[in-house]
Amino acid sequence: MQTPKLSQGFTLTELAVTLLLIGLLAGLAGNSWTSLVSSTRHVSAINETHRVFAFARSYAINKRVLTTICPLSSSMTCTDDWNKPVSVFPDEDNDKRPDGGKIHRISHLANSNLDFYSRTAGRGYFQFSPDGMSHGTMGSLIICSRSSKDPVEISYLALNIGGRLRHLRDDNGDGVIKLPWGVSLTCPKT
């Protein structure tokens, strides 16, 4: 009696189906990875913003000095472009310029996939008084993450009178944050 010969290897059809499945899985993993990286960068920017504001508040309390947070122009005055590096500095004379040129911290909050927008009525700065309270009027920041494939991720950070940041985010992914008093926030179109 003759034993049947077992074939070895794959047929061309089996190989093509296997390669197709591998390609599809790799494509799905790539999109998920891009989305994960974008989301991680967004959360990292929020955390860094909280750290900068906590540092400025702590500095104001510990040194008993009016402290300002803002992006600085080349002439060392506050600007309203929060996509530039943000500086924390003592500002005893309240002129929105570092006293004696002293800057205690510089942070790069924005990156190529993130945009920061201030809601400070054009002031572009935040201040803490020596008791840790917000000095002057309050304000907020909007953080927008942009990706070519994903919808815009948006977060809202508001400084309250007590000197604390409050964070709201777009939980349903529609690119809109509805504030408790009815105002809807979106990222400006670029």
Protein backbone atom coordinates (compact mmCIF):
# COMPACT_ATOMS: atom_id res chain seq x y z
CA MET A 1 0.00 0.00 0.00
CA GLN A 2 1.22 3.42 -0.93
CA THR A 3 1.18 6.30 1.64
CA PRO A 4 -0.13 9.64 0.45
CA LYS A 5 2.47 12.35 0.04
CA LEU A 6 1.99 15.31 2.35
CA SER A 7 2.51 18.67 0.72
CA GLN A 8 4.93 21.07 2.33
CA GLY A 9 4.73 24.85 2.35
CA PHE A 10 1.96 27.24 1.42
CA THR A 11 0.05 27.66 -1.75
CA LEU A 12 0.17 31.02 -3.47
CA THR A 13 -3.41 31.75 -2.35
CA GLU A 14 -2.65 30.98 1.30
CA LEU A 15 0.44 33.18 1.18
CA ALA A 16 -1.51 36.07 -0.42
CA VAL A 17 -4.30 35.85 2.21
CA THR A 18 -1.75 35.74 5.04
CA LEU A 19 0.12 38.80 3.71
CA LEU A 20 -3.18 40.66 3.25
CA LEU A 21 -4.18 39.99 6.86
CA ILE A 22 -0.77 41.08 8.15
CA GLY A 23 -1.04 44.31 6.12
CA LEU A 24 -4.51 45.07 7.48
CA LEU A 25 -3.45 44.46 11.07
CA ALA A 26 -0.35 46.62 10.63
CA GLY A 27 -2.49 49.44 9.21
CA LEU A 28 -4.90 49.29 12.14
CA ALA A 29 -2.04 49.21 14.63
CA GLY A 30 -0.40 52.21 12.95
CA ASN A 31 -3.58 54.32 13.21
CA SER A 32 -4.07 53.31 16.84
CA TRP A 33 -0.44 54.13 17.60
CA THR A 34 -0.72 57.59 16.02
CA SER A 35 -3.89 58.30 18.00
CA LEU A 36 -2.24 57.10 21.22
CA VAL A 37 0.84 59.28 20.67
CA SER A 38 -1.33 62.34 19.94
CA SER A 39 -3.45 61.77 23.05
CA THR A 40 -0.35 61.26 25.20
CA ARG A 41 1.17 64.53 23.96
CA HIS A 42 -2.06 66.35 24.75
CA VAL A 43 -2.20 64.98 28.31
CA SER A 44 1.50 65.75 28.77
CA ALA A 45 0.93 69.39 27.74
CA ILE A 46 -1.94 69.69 30.23
CA ASN A 47 0.21 68.23 33.00
CA GLU A 48 3.11 70.57 32.16
CA THR A 49 0.76 73.56 32.21
CA HIS A 50 -0.47 72.52 35.67
CA ARG A 51 3.16 72.19 36.83
CA VAL A 52 4.07 75.67 35.53
CA PHE A 53 1.08 77.29 37.24
CA ALA A 54 1.70 75.37 40.49
CA PHE A 55 5.36 76.43 40.40
CA ALA A 56 4.43 80.10 39.84
CA ARG A 57 1.87 80.03 42.66
CA SER A 58 4.33 78.34 45.02
CA TYR A 59 7.04 80.85 44.08
CA ALA A 60 4.69 83.79 44.76
CA ILE A 61 3.79 82.39 48.19
CA ASN A 62 7.30 81.37 49.26
CA LYS A 63 9.06 84.54 48.05
CA ARG A 64 6.12 86.81 48.97
CA VAL A 65 6.28 88.51 45.58
CA LEU A 66 3.86 89.21 42.74
CA THR A 67 4.64 86.56 40.11
CA THR A 68 3.77 86.66 36.41
CA ILE A 69 3.40 83.82 33.86
CA CYS A 70 3.52 84.73 30.18
CA PRO A 71 5.34 84.21 26.90
CA LEU A 72 8.00 86.91 26.51
CA SER A 73 8.86 88.91 23.40
CA SER A 74 12.46 89.65 22.42
CA SER A 75 12.13 92.95 24.34
CA MET A 76 11.23 90.95 27.50
CA THR A 77 7.58 92.04 27.66
CA CYS A 78 4.54 89.78 27.87
CA THR A 79 2.94 88.74 24.59
CA ASP A 80 -0.26 86.81 23.93
CA ASP A 81 1.34 84.03 21.84
CA TRP A 82 1.19 80.95 24.07
CA ASN A 83 2.83 78.82 21.38
CA LYS A 84 6.11 80.50 22.39
CA PRO A 85 8.08 79.45 25.48
CA VAL A 86 6.32 80.52 28.69
CA SER A 87 8.26 82.26 31.48
CA VAL A 88 7.64 82.55 35.23
CA PHE A 89 9.24 85.60 36.85
CA PRO A 90 8.98 88.01 39.80
CA ASP A 91 7.11 91.20 38.91
CA GLU A 92 7.03 93.41 42.03
CA ASP A 93 6.53 96.62 40.01
CA ASN A 94 3.71 94.92 38.02
CA ASP A 95 5.10 96.04 34.64
CA LYS A 96 4.81 92.53 33.10
CA ARG A 97 8.61 92.37 32.71
CA PRO A 98 11.03 90.21 34.74
CA ASP A 99 12.41 92.19 37.69
CA GLY A 100 16.14 92.60 37.15
CA GLY A 101 15.90 90.23 34.16
CA LYS A 102 15.34 87.27 36.54
CA ILE A 103 13.33 84.41 35.05
CA HIS A 104 12.78 81.46 37.35
CA ARG A 105 11.37 78.99 34.87
CA ILE A 106 10.89 78.68 31.12
CA SER A 107 8.62 75.99 29.72
CA HIS A 108 7.79 74.97 26.17
CA LEU A 109 4.13 74.03 26.46
CA ALA A 110 3.23 73.88 22.76
CA ASN A 111 4.73 71.62 20.10
CA SER A 112 4.16 70.92 16.42
CA ASN A 113 0.85 69.09 17.06
CA LEU A 114 -0.48 71.36 19.83
CA ASP A 115 -1.74 74.93 19.78
CA PHE A 116 -2.37 77.09 22.85
CA TYR A 117 -4.83 79.97 22.84
CA SER A 118 -5.33 82.35 25.74
CA ARG A 119 -8.64 83.77 26.86
CA THR A 120 -7.24 86.71 28.79
CA ALA A 121 -8.96 89.60 26.96
CA GLY A 122 -5.73 90.27 25.05
CA ARG A 123 -3.53 90.56 28.16
CA GLY A 124 -1.67 87.33 27.51
CA TYR A 125 -0.47 86.92 31.10
CA PHE A 126 -1.54 85.43 34.42
CA GLN A 127 -0.38 86.65 37.83
CA PHE A 128 -0.26 85.36 41.39
CA SER A 129 -0.21 87.61 44.42
CA PRO A 130 1.99 86.83 47.46
CA ASP A 131 -0.95 85.06 49.13
CA GLY A 132 -1.26 82.63 46.18
CA MET A 133 -4.48 84.13 44.88
CA SER A 134 -4.97 85.12 41.26
CA HIS A 135 -3.93 88.77 40.91
CA GLY A 136 -6.20 90.97 38.83
CA THR A 137 -8.61 89.34 36.47
CA MET A 138 -8.69 85.63 35.79
CA GLY A 139 -8.33 83.98 32.43
CA SER A 140 -8.04 80.64 30.70
CA LEU A 141 -6.16 78.66 28.09
CA ILE A 142 -7.48 76.42 25.35
CA ILE A 143 -5.26 73.54 24.23
CA CYS A 144 -5.91 72.06 20.79
CA SER A 145 -4.28 68.89 19.47
CA ARG A 146 -4.38 68.51 15.72
CA SER A 147 -3.90 65.36 13.70
CA SER A 148 -4.48 64.76 10.01
CA LYS A 149 -6.58 61.65 10.69
CA ASP A 150 -8.16 62.20 14.11
CA PRO A 151 -10.65 64.85 15.18
CA VAL A 152 -9.32 67.83 17.14
CA GLU A 153 -8.80 67.12 20.83
CA ILE A 154 -9.58 70.19 22.97
CA SER A 155 -9.04 71.05 26.64
CA TYR A 156 -9.92 74.15 28.63
CA LEU A 157 -7.82 75.29 31.60
CA ALA A 158 -9.25 78.15 33.66
CA LEU A 159 -7.49 79.98 36.50
CA ASN A 160 -9.89 80.76 39.33
CA ILE A 161 -9.63 83.58 41.88
CA GLY A 162 -8.07 81.18 44.39
CA GLY A 163 -5.10 80.61 42.08
CA ARG A 164 -6.04 77.09 40.99
CA LEU A 165 -6.40 75.73 37.47
CA ARG A 166 -9.64 74.00 36.59
CA HIS A 167 -9.56 71.57 33.67
CA LEU A 168 -12.44 70.68 31.36
CA ARG A 169 -12.14 68.44 28.32
CA ASP A 170 -14.15 67.38 25.34
CA ASP A 171 -15.41 64.03 26.57
CA ASN A 172 -17.48 63.08 23.52
CA GLY A 173 -14.82 63.88 20.89
CA ASP A 174 -16.90 66.39 18.91
CA GLY A 175 -14.30 69.19 19.23
CA VAL A 176 -16.59 71.34 21.39
CA ILE A 177 -16.48 72.09 25.13
CA LYS A 178 -19.70 73.44 26.60
CA LEU A 179 -18.99 75.54 29.68
CA PRO A 180 -21.42 75.38 32.62
CA TRP A 181 -22.77 78.87 31.84
CA GLY A 182 -23.66 77.89 28.26
CA VAL A 183 -20.68 79.13 26.22
CA SER A 184 -19.35 76.65 23.65
CA LEU A 185 -15.62 76.60 22.94
CA THR A 186 -13.97 75.23 19.81
CA CYS A 187 -10.45 75.39 18.44
CA PRO A 188 -9.89 78.26 16.00
CA LYS A 189 -9.53 77.13 12.38
CA THR A 190 -6.02 77.46 11.01
